[in-house]
Amino acid sequence: MSKRFSIIGDILAEQHNGRIVPGGSGAIALAIAALGGRVTLRSVIGTDDAGKTVLDQLKRARIHPGLIDKVDEPTGVITRNAEGSVTNLKLGAGIKRGALMDIYELFGHDATVLDTFDQPLRRFISDLPAHTNGAVRMISPLTHLDVVRPTEDELEIALRFDTIVGTPSQLEALTGQSSPTEALADLFEMMPGAHLRSAVAITPNGLEIVSREGRVLRPIQEAVPELLVPQVVAAVAWGYANHLDEDTVATIAADPDAVG
């Protein structure tokens, strides 16, 4: 039976090479579905042309739209250059604290991803597993730190997840360190007594994963960190759902076709 994954987050319309494709949590949903997972996506999307284009693509990937609210607001847009680097990120319709959702159902999946720009919702959701389902594994990209300032409790929130995934600039914003390696070293020191099991840095050289068990480096030729976020998050979620070690997760993150 296929593993089940829930995502709570914001869908963006990604403009790249003259096309509009799902970005944000929509891109993560597609990446997990491509690995063979069944995805439940709780989100919000605008009813503008960009939102309709993105929603149609999610439907074609068999990601059910039933838990995606359609609102009369612009859809958020992420723009990339020809190489894939982000040149602009404009927020639009998004899920916020107070949105109706079945927490017990969403946490009843094999792994859960939280990818929202709304800090009150991040704070609220990240604190829930200990009170609802202690077995759930939660993963969070740090994409929100590209457009919002870290809150005073940003690091405390990050330590509640099982794994966080970030680019160099995001990890710098989170920890105040000037390099991904130094940021991961800080996070490793904080793991004892915290919920965090591992942290992943996506750099122009590839992946660096630090966990309670050790460190994994995986070179990726000509890596574009922002472009790799969805497939790396998908690989981490897949790893938790299938009880894989960090080395195998890194292999899948670098090459999703490695899933047999």
C-alpha atoms as a PDB file:
ATOM      1  CA  MET A   1       0.000   0.000   0.000  1.00  0.00           C
ATOM      2  CA  SER A   2       1.249   3.489  -0.866  1.00  0.00           C
ATOM      3  CA  LYS A   3       2.517   5.639   1.977  1.00  0.00           C
ATOM      4  CA  ARG A   4       0.389   8.651   2.886  1.00  0.00           C
ATOM      5  CA  PHE A   5       1.749  12.171   3.258  1.00  0.00           C
ATOM      6  CA  SER A   6       0.024  15.322   4.429  1.00  0.00           C
ATOM      7  CA  ILE A   7       1.169  18.834   3.577  1.00  0.00           C
ATOM      8  CA  ILE A   8      -0.025  22.015   5.263  1.00  0.00           C
ATOM      9  CA  GLY A   9       1.268  24.973   3.347  1.00  0.00           C
ATOM     10  CA  ASP A  10       1.097  27.677   0.722  1.00  0.00           C
ATOM     11  CA  ILE A  11       0.859  27.013  -3.006  1.00  0.00           C
ATOM     12  CA  LEU A  12       2.714  29.364  -5.333  1.00  0.00           C
ATOM     13  CA  ALA A  13       2.608  29.820  -9.085  1.00  0.00           C
ATOM     14  CA  GLU A  14       6.184  29.296 -10.228  1.00  0.00           C
ATOM     15  CA  GLN A  15       7.263  31.113 -13.386  1.00  0.00           C
ATOM     16  CA  HIS A  16      10.227  29.374 -14.990  1.00  0.00           C
ATOM     17  CA  ASN A  17      11.348  29.050 -18.611  1.00  0.00           C
ATOM     18  CA  GLY A  18       8.138  30.592 -19.906  1.00  0.00           C
ATOM     19  CA  ARG A  19       5.877  28.175 -18.018  1.00  0.00           C
ATOM     20  CA  ILE A  20       3.745  28.372 -14.893  1.00  0.00           C
ATOM     21  CA  VAL A  21       4.057  25.311 -12.661  1.00  0.00           C
ATOM     22  CA  PRO A  22       3.136  24.597  -9.038  1.00  0.00           C
ATOM     23  CA  GLY A  23       5.589  26.061  -6.537  1.00  0.00           C
ATOM     24  CA  GLY A  24       5.834  26.105  -2.765  1.00  0.00           C
ATOM     25  CA  SER A  25       3.842  23.309  -1.137  1.00  0.00           C
ATOM     26  CA  GLY A  26       2.404  22.503  -4.578  1.00  0.00           C
ATOM     27  CA  ALA A  27       5.881  21.607  -5.827  1.00  0.00           C
ATOM     28  CA  ILE A  28       6.518  19.484  -2.723  1.00  0.00           C
ATOM     29  CA  ALA A  29       3.227  17.680  -3.320  1.00  0.00           C
ATOM     30  CA  LEU A  30       4.230  16.889  -6.906  1.00  0.00           C
ATOM     31  CA  ALA A  31       7.668  15.667  -5.793  1.00  0.00           C
ATOM     32  CA  ILE A  32       6.172  13.281  -3.220  1.00  0.00           C
ATOM     33  CA  ALA A  33       3.572  12.041  -5.708  1.00  0.00           C
ATOM     34  CA  ALA A  34       6.343  11.369  -8.234  1.00  0.00           C
ATOM     35  CA  LEU A  35       8.036   9.101  -5.675  1.00  0.00           C
ATOM     36  CA  GLY A  36       4.809   7.116  -5.391  1.00  0.00           C
ATOM     37  CA  GLY A  37       3.252   8.670  -2.295  1.00  0.00           C
ATOM     38  CA  ARG A  38      -0.398   9.600  -1.775  1.00  0.00           C
ATOM     39  CA  VAL A  39      -0.659  13.275  -0.883  1.00  0.00           C
ATOM     40  CA  THR A  40      -3.227  15.186   1.155  1.00  0.00           C
ATOM     41  CA  LEU A  41      -2.669  18.907   0.583  1.00  0.00           C
ATOM     42  CA  ARG A  42      -4.313  21.438   2.932  1.00  0.00           C
ATOM     43  CA  SER A  43      -3.843  24.819   1.367  1.00  0.00           C
ATOM     44  CA  VAL A  44      -5.337  27.944  -0.163  1.00  0.00           C
ATOM     45  CA  ILE A  45      -5.094  29.193  -3.740  1.00  0.00           C
ATOM     46  CA  GLY A  46      -6.356  32.205  -5.657  1.00  0.00           C
ATOM     47  CA  THR A  47      -9.043  31.985  -8.314  1.00  0.00           C
ATOM     48  CA  ASP A  48      -6.978  34.038 -10.783  1.00  0.00           C
ATOM     49  CA  ASP A  49      -5.544  32.571 -13.993  1.00  0.00           C
ATOM     50  CA  ALA A  50      -2.273  31.596 -12.321  1.00  0.00           C
ATOM     51  CA  GLY A  51      -4.137  29.776  -9.561  1.00  0.00           C
ATOM     52  CA  LYS A  52      -6.335  27.915 -12.046  1.00  0.00           C
ATOM     53  CA  THR A  53      -3.299  26.865 -14.081  1.00  0.00           C
ATOM     54  CA  VAL A  54      -1.542  25.511 -10.991  1.00  0.00           C
ATOM     55  CA  LEU A  55      -4.648  23.775  -9.650  1.00  0.00           C
ATOM     56  CA  ASP A  56      -5.222  22.005 -12.972  1.00  0.00           C
ATOM     57  CA  GLN A  57      -1.698  20.599 -12.855  1.00  0.00           C
ATOM     58  CA  LEU A  58      -2.147  19.363  -9.283  1.00  0.00           C
ATOM     59  CA  LYS A  59      -5.376  17.620 -10.282  1.00  0.00           C
ATOM     60  CA  ARG A  60      -3.642  15.920 -13.200  1.00  0.00           C
ATOM     61  CA  ALA A  61      -1.078  14.577 -10.713  1.00  0.00           C
ATOM     62  CA  ARG A  62      -3.978  13.041  -8.735  1.00  0.00           C
ATOM     63  CA  ILE A  63      -3.589  15.458  -5.822  1.00  0.00           C
ATOM     64  CA  HIS A  64      -7.158  15.927  -4.650  1.00  0.00           C
ATOM     65  CA  PRO A  65      -8.289  19.581  -4.524  1.00  0.00           C
ATOM     66  CA  GLY A  66     -10.900  19.017  -1.838  1.00  0.00           C
ATOM     67  CA  LEU A  67      -8.813  20.515   0.975  1.00  0.00           C
ATOM     68  CA  ILE A  68      -7.534  23.452  -1.089  1.00  0.00           C
ATOM     69  CA  ASP A  69      -9.615  26.575  -0.415  1.00  0.00           C
ATOM     70  CA  LYS A  70     -10.277  28.750  -3.476  1.00  0.00           C
ATOM     71  CA  VAL A  71     -10.324  32.445  -2.611  1.00  0.00           C
ATOM     72  CA  ASP A  72     -10.698  35.690  -4.539  1.00  0.00           C
ATOM     73  CA  GLU A  73      -7.121  36.784  -3.894  1.00  0.00           C
ATOM     74  CA  PRO A  74      -4.020  36.793  -6.113  1.00  0.00           C
ATOM     75  CA  THR A  75      -2.006  33.598  -6.120  1.00  0.00           C
ATOM     76  CA  GLY A  76       1.525  33.988  -4.757  1.00  0.00           C
ATOM     77  CA  VAL A  77       4.202  34.005  -7.457  1.00  0.00           C
ATOM     78  CA  ILE A  78       7.789  32.805  -7.465  1.00  0.00           C
ATOM     79  CA  THR A  79       9.924  33.828 -10.432  1.00  0.00           C
ATOM     80  CA  ARG A  80      13.126  32.018 -11.465  1.00  0.00           C
ATOM     81  CA  ASN A  81      15.775  32.896 -14.022  1.00  0.00           C
ATOM     82  CA  ALA A  82      16.908  30.513 -16.749  1.00  0.00           C
ATOM     83  CA  GLU A  83      19.343  28.796 -14.343  1.00  0.00           C
ATOM     84  CA  GLY A  84      16.602  28.198 -11.773  1.00  0.00           C
ATOM     85  CA  SER A  85      17.624  30.718  -9.113  1.00  0.00           C
ATOM     86  CA  VAL A  86      14.819  32.706  -7.483  1.00  0.00           C
ATOM     87  CA  THR A  87      14.692  36.318  -8.688  1.00  0.00           C
ATOM     88  CA  ASN A  88      11.411  37.327  -7.018  1.00  0.00           C
ATOM     89  CA  LEU A  89       8.943  35.886  -4.532  1.00  0.00           C
ATOM     90  CA  LYS A  90       5.620  37.671  -4.054  1.00  0.00           C
ATOM     91  CA  LEU A  91       3.196  36.373  -1.450  1.00  0.00           C
ATOM     92  CA  GLY A  92      -0.475  35.945  -2.253  1.00  0.00           C
ATOM     93  CA  ALA A  93      -3.297  33.770  -0.978  1.00  0.00           C
ATOM     94  CA  GLY A  94      -2.081  31.570   1.865  1.00  0.00           C
ATOM     95  CA  ILE A  95      -3.245  29.402   4.700  1.00  0.00           C
ATOM     96  CA  LYS A  96      -3.255  31.081   8.103  1.00  0.00           C
ATOM     97  CA  ARG A  97      -3.951  30.231  11.693  1.00  0.00           C
ATOM     98  CA  GLY A  98      -7.690  29.905  12.160  1.00  0.00           C
ATOM     99  CA  ALA A  99      -8.229  27.986   8.934  1.00  0.00           C
ATOM    100  CA  LEU A 100     -10.433  24.946   9.471  1.00  0.00           C
ATOM    101  CA  MET A 101      -8.561  21.641   9.281  1.00  0.00           C
ATOM    102  CA  ASP A 102      -8.810  18.146  10.712  1.00  0.00           C
ATOM    103  CA  ILE A 103      -5.601  18.033  12.711  1.00  0.00           C
ATOM    104  CA  TYR A 104      -6.033  14.415  13.790  1.00  0.00           C
ATOM    105  CA  GLU A 105      -6.534  13.302  10.185  1.00  0.00           C
ATOM    106  CA  LEU A 106      -3.574  15.308   8.864  1.00  0.00           C
ATOM    107  CA  PHE A 107      -1.316  13.962  11.598  1.00  0.00           C
ATOM    108  CA  GLY A 108      -2.563  10.442  10.887  1.00  0.00           C
ATOM    109  CA  HIS A 109      -0.414  10.179   7.758  1.00  0.00           C
ATOM    110  CA  ASP A 110       3.013   8.520   7.519  1.00  0.00           C
ATOM    111  CA  ALA A 111       4.751  11.914   7.458  1.00  0.00           C
ATOM    112  CA  THR A 112       3.663  15.554   7.540  1.00  0.00           C
ATOM    113  CA  VAL A 113       5.219  18.616   5.889  1.00  0.00           C
ATOM    114  CA  LEU A 114       4.586  22.152   7.148  1.00  0.00           C
ATOM    115  CA  ASP A 115       5.426  24.796   4.553  1.00  0.00           C
ATOM    116  CA  THR A 116       3.601  27.997   5.396  1.00  0.00           C
ATOM    117  CA  PHE A 117       4.665  31.645   5.517  1.00  0.00           C
ATOM    118  CA  ASP A 118       2.242  32.429   8.361  1.00  0.00           C
ATOM    119  CA  GLN A 119       4.289  32.441  11.567  1.00  0.00           C
ATOM    120  CA  PRO A 120       1.318  32.086  13.982  1.00  0.00           C
ATOM    121  CA  LEU A 121       0.267  28.935  12.108  1.00  0.00           C
ATOM    122  CA  ARG A 122       3.835  27.575  12.113  1.00  0.00           C
ATOM    123  CA  ARG A 123       4.028  28.178  15.863  1.00  0.00           C
ATOM    124  CA  PHE A 124       0.636  26.535  16.483  1.00  0.00           C
ATOM    125  CA  ILE A 125       1.048  23.475  14.247  1.00  0.00           C
ATOM    126  CA  SER A 126       4.626  22.731  15.313  1.00  0.00           C
ATOM    127  CA  ASP A 127       3.521  22.501  18.945  1.00  0.00           C
ATOM    128  CA  LEU A 128       0.660  20.073  18.311  1.00  0.00           C
ATOM    129  CA  PRO A 129       2.204  16.626  17.649  1.00  0.00           C
ATOM    130  CA  ALA A 130       3.242  16.149  21.274  1.00  0.00           C
ATOM    131  CA  HIS A 131      -0.409  16.602  22.279  1.00  0.00           C
ATOM    132  CA  THR A 132      -2.126  14.727  19.428  1.00  0.00           C
ATOM    133  CA  ASN A 133       0.095  12.094  17.817  1.00  0.00           C
ATOM    134  CA  GLY A 134       3.608  11.676  19.149  1.00  0.00           C
ATOM    135  CA  ALA A 135       4.433   9.192  16.373  1.00  0.00           C
ATOM    136  CA  VAL A 136       4.016  11.669  13.516  1.00  0.00           C
ATOM    137  CA  ARG A 137       7.187  12.804  11.756  1.00  0.00           C
ATOM    138  CA  MET A 138       7.180  16.461  10.724  1.00  0.00           C
ATOM    139  CA  ILE A 139       9.411  18.125   8.154  1.00  0.00           C
ATOM    140  CA  SER A 140       9.684  21.831   7.462  1.00  0.00           C
ATOM    141  CA  PRO A 141      11.523  23.746   4.763  1.00  0.00           C
ATOM    142  CA  LEU A 142      12.695  27.182   5.866  1.00  0.00           C
ATOM    143  CA  THR A 143      11.409  28.950   2.745  1.00  0.00           C
ATOM    144  CA  HIS A 144       9.449  31.479   4.787  1.00  0.00           C
ATOM    145  CA  LEU A 145      12.729  33.021   5.939  1.00  0.00           C
ATOM    146  CA  ASP A 146      13.280  34.314   2.396  1.00  0.00           C
ATOM    147  CA  VAL A 147      10.442  36.804   2.833  1.00  0.00           C
ATOM    148  CA  VAL A 148       9.732  37.238   6.559  1.00  0.00           C
ATOM    149  CA  ARG A 149      12.042  38.196   9.400  1.00  0.00           C
ATOM    150  CA  PRO A 150      12.799  35.506  11.983  1.00  0.00           C
ATOM    151  CA  THR A 151      10.622  35.786  15.058  1.00  0.00           C
ATOM    152  CA  GLU A 152      12.126  35.818  18.551  1.00  0.00           C
ATOM    153  CA  ASP A 153      11.126  32.166  18.944  1.00  0.00           C
ATOM    154  CA  GLU A 154      12.140  31.108  15.401  1.00  0.00           C
ATOM    155  CA  LEU A 155      14.835  28.725  16.590  1.00  0.00           C
ATOM    156  CA  GLU A 156      12.580  27.274  19.270  1.00  0.00           C
ATOM    157  CA  ILE A 157       9.949  26.539  16.623  1.00  0.00           C
ATOM    158  CA  ALA A 158      12.505  24.932  14.297  1.00  0.00           C
ATOM    159  CA  LEU A 159      13.660  22.582  17.065  1.00  0.00           C
ATOM    160  CA  ARG A 160      10.113  21.158  17.333  1.00  0.00           C
ATOM    161  CA  PHE A 161      10.307  19.520  13.903  1.00  0.00           C
ATOM    162  CA  ASP A 162      11.908  16.161  13.168  1.00  0.00           C
ATOM    163  CA  THR A 163      13.822  17.655  10.229  1.00  0.00           C
ATOM    164  CA  ILE A 164      14.318  21.134   8.836  1.00  0.00           C
ATOM    165  CA  VAL A 165      15.575  21.831   5.311  1.00  0.00           C
ATOM    166  CA  GLY A 166      17.208  25.110   4.340  1.00  0.00           C
ATOM    167  CA  THR A 167      19.377  26.952   1.855  1.00  0.00           C
ATOM    168  CA  PRO A 168      22.486  28.842   3.036  1.00  0.00           C
ATOM    169  CA  SER A 169      20.648  32.156   3.402  1.00  0.00           C
ATOM    170  CA  GLN A 170      17.760  30.552   5.272  1.00  0.00           C
ATOM    171  CA  LEU A 171      20.034  28.723   7.704  1.00  0.00           C
ATOM    172  CA  GLU A 172      21.966  31.951   8.254  1.00  0.00           C
ATOM    173  CA  ALA A 173      18.702  33.746   9.085  1.00  0.00           C
ATOM    174  CA  LEU A 174      17.748  30.954  11.491  1.00  0.00           C
ATOM    175  CA  THR A 175      21.025  30.610  13.389  1.00  0.00           C
ATOM    176  CA  GLY A 176      22.960  33.807  12.707  1.00  0.00           C
ATOM    177  CA  GLN A 177      25.914  31.776  11.402  1.00  0.00           C
ATOM    178  CA  SER A 178      27.714  32.737   8.190  1.00  0.00           C
ATOM    179  CA  SER A 179      27.951  29.297   6.584  1.00  0.00           C
ATOM    180  CA  PRO A 180      25.699  26.214   6.296  1.00  0.00           C
ATOM    181  CA  THR A 181      28.316  24.036   8.014  1.00  0.00           C
ATOM    182  CA  GLU A 182      28.484  26.367  11.017  1.00  0.00           C
ATOM    183  CA  ALA A 183      24.672  26.571  11.132  1.00  0.00           C
ATOM    184  CA  LEU A 184      24.377  22.779  11.104  1.00  0.00           C
ATOM    185  CA  ALA A 185      27.018  22.538  13.831  1.00  0.00           C
ATOM    186  CA  ASP A 186      24.919  24.847  16.013  1.00  0.00           C
ATOM    187  CA  LEU A 187      21.798  22.806  15.361  1.00  0.00           C
ATOM    188  CA  PHE A 188      23.644  19.554  16.128  1.00  0.00           C
ATOM    189  CA  GLU A 189      24.649  20.963  19.521  1.00  0.00           C
ATOM    190  CA  MET A 190      20.987  21.766  20.234  1.00  0.00           C
ATOM    191  CA  MET A 191      19.595  18.336  19.300  1.00  0.00           C
ATOM    192  CA  PRO A 192      20.055  16.655  22.708  1.00  0.00           C
ATOM    193  CA  GLY A 193      16.916  17.449  24.667  1.00  0.00           C
ATOM    194  CA  ALA A 194      15.148  18.851  21.596  1.00  0.00           C
ATOM    195  CA  HIS A 195      12.777  17.134  19.186  1.00  0.00           C
ATOM    196  CA  LEU A 196      14.922  17.866  16.127  1.00  0.00           C
ATOM    197  CA  ARG A 197      16.455  14.703  14.663  1.00  0.00           C
ATOM    198  CA  SER A 198      18.251  16.115  11.641  1.00  0.00           C
ATOM    199  CA  ALA A 199      18.891  19.262   9.632  1.00  0.00           C
ATOM    200  CA  VAL A 200      19.611  19.501   5.908  1.00  0.00           C
ATOM    201  CA  ALA A 201      21.545  22.212   4.106  1.00  0.00           C
ATOM    202  CA  ILE A 202      21.130  22.530   0.337  1.00  0.00           C
ATOM    203  CA  THR A 203      24.181  24.337  -1.029  1.00  0.00           C
ATOM    204  CA  PRO A 204      25.572  25.041  -4.506  1.00  0.00           C
ATOM    205  CA  ASN A 205      27.828  22.008  -3.926  1.00  0.00           C
ATOM    206  CA  GLY A 206      25.056  19.602  -2.927  1.00  0.00           C
ATOM    207  CA  LEU A 207      23.616  18.307   0.338  1.00  0.00           C
ATOM    208  CA  GLU A 208      24.901  18.327   3.883  1.00  0.00           C
ATOM    209  CA  ILE A 209      22.847  16.400   6.437  1.00  0.00           C
ATOM    210  CA  VAL A 210      23.567  16.446  10.159  1.00  0.00           C
ATOM    211  CA  SER A 211      21.661  14.093  12.441  1.00  0.00           C
ATOM    212  CA  ARG A 212      22.025  12.673  15.906  1.00  0.00           C
ATOM    213  CA  GLU A 213      23.761   9.692  14.290  1.00  0.00           C
ATOM    214  CA  GLY A 214      26.299  11.553  12.172  1.00  0.00           C
ATOM    215  CA  ARG A 215      26.917  13.579   9.034  1.00  0.00           C
ATOM    216  CA  VAL A 216      26.256  12.843   5.355  1.00  0.00           C
ATOM    217  CA  LEU A 217      27.660  14.821   2.425  1.00  0.00           C
ATOM    218  CA  ARG A 218      26.265  14.299  -1.073  1.00  0.00           C
ATOM    219  CA  PRO A 219      27.754  16.298  -3.965  1.00  0.00           C
ATOM    220  CA  ILE A 220      25.324  17.464  -6.659  1.00  0.00           C
ATOM    221  CA  GLN A 221      26.838  18.959  -9.773  1.00  0.00           C
ATOM    222  CA  GLU A 222      25.726  22.547 -10.471  1.00  0.00           C
ATOM    223  CA  ALA A 223      23.142  22.451  -7.673  1.00  0.00           C
ATOM    224  CA  VAL A 224      20.639  25.308  -7.480  1.00  0.00           C
ATOM    225  CA  PRO A 225      19.588  25.261  -3.802  1.00  0.00           C
ATOM    226  CA  GLU A 226      16.172  26.926  -4.191  1.00  0.00           C
ATOM    227  CA  LEU A 227      15.277  24.636  -7.101  1.00  0.00           C
ATOM    228  CA  LEU A 228      16.131  21.513  -5.095  1.00  0.00           C
ATOM    229  CA  VAL A 229      13.999  22.268  -2.029  1.00  0.00           C
ATOM    230  CA  PRO A 230      10.857  20.336  -3.123  1.00  0.00           C
ATOM    231  CA  GLN A 231      12.675  17.122  -4.055  1.00  0.00           C
ATOM    232  CA  VAL A 232      14.845  17.227  -0.921  1.00  0.00           C
ATOM    233  CA  VAL A 233      11.823  17.742   1.343  1.00  0.00           C
ATOM    234  CA  ALA A 234      10.038  14.939  -0.519  1.00  0.00           C
ATOM    235  CA  ALA A 235      13.023  12.625  -0.007  1.00  0.00           C
ATOM    236  CA  VAL A 236      13.139  13.349   3.733  1.00  0.00           C
ATOM    237  CA  ALA A 237       9.397  12.697   4.073  1.00  0.00           C
ATOM    238  CA  TRP A 238       9.782   9.493   2.025  1.00  0.00           C
ATOM    239  CA  GLY A 239      12.625   8.427   4.278  1.00  0.00           C
ATOM    240  CA  TYR A 240      10.578   8.826   7.444  1.00  0.00           C
ATOM    241  CA  ALA A 241       7.592   7.020   5.951  1.00  0.00           C
ATOM    242  CA  ASN A 242       9.760   4.100   4.836  1.00  0.00           C
ATOM    243  CA  HIS A 243      12.210   4.072   7.779  1.00  0.00           C
ATOM    244  CA  LEU A 244      15.289   4.831   5.672  1.00  0.00           C
ATOM    245  CA  ASP A 245      18.689   6.020   6.905  1.00  0.00           C
ATOM    246  CA  GLU A 246      20.155   9.431   6.083  1.00  0.00           C
ATOM    247  CA  ASP A 247      22.510   8.052   3.443  1.00  0.00           C
ATOM    248  CA  THR A 248      19.600   6.563   1.494  1.00  0.00           C
ATOM    249  CA  VAL A 249      17.585   9.767   1.929  1.00  0.00           C
ATOM    250  CA  ALA A 250      20.517  11.743   0.491  1.00  0.00           C
ATOM    251  CA  THR A 251      20.673   9.391  -2.500  1.00  0.00           C
ATOM    252  CA  ILE A 252      16.957   9.883  -3.212  1.00  0.00           C
ATOM    253  CA  ALA A 253      17.219  13.635  -2.655  1.00  0.00           C
ATOM    254  CA  ALA A 254      20.000  13.860  -5.222  1.00  0.00           C
ATOM    255  CA  ASP A 255      18.290  11.469  -7.655  1.00  0.00           C
ATOM    256  CA  PRO A 256      14.559  10.774  -7.142  1.00  0.00           C
ATOM    257  CA  ASP A 257      14.790   7.970  -9.719  1.00  0.00           C
ATOM    258  CA  ALA A 258      16.779   6.031  -7.122  1.00  0.00           C
ATOM    259  CA  VAL A 259      13.465   5.008  -5.520  1.00  0.00           C
ATOM    260  CA  GLY A 260      12.938   1.428  -6.644  1.00  0.00           C
END
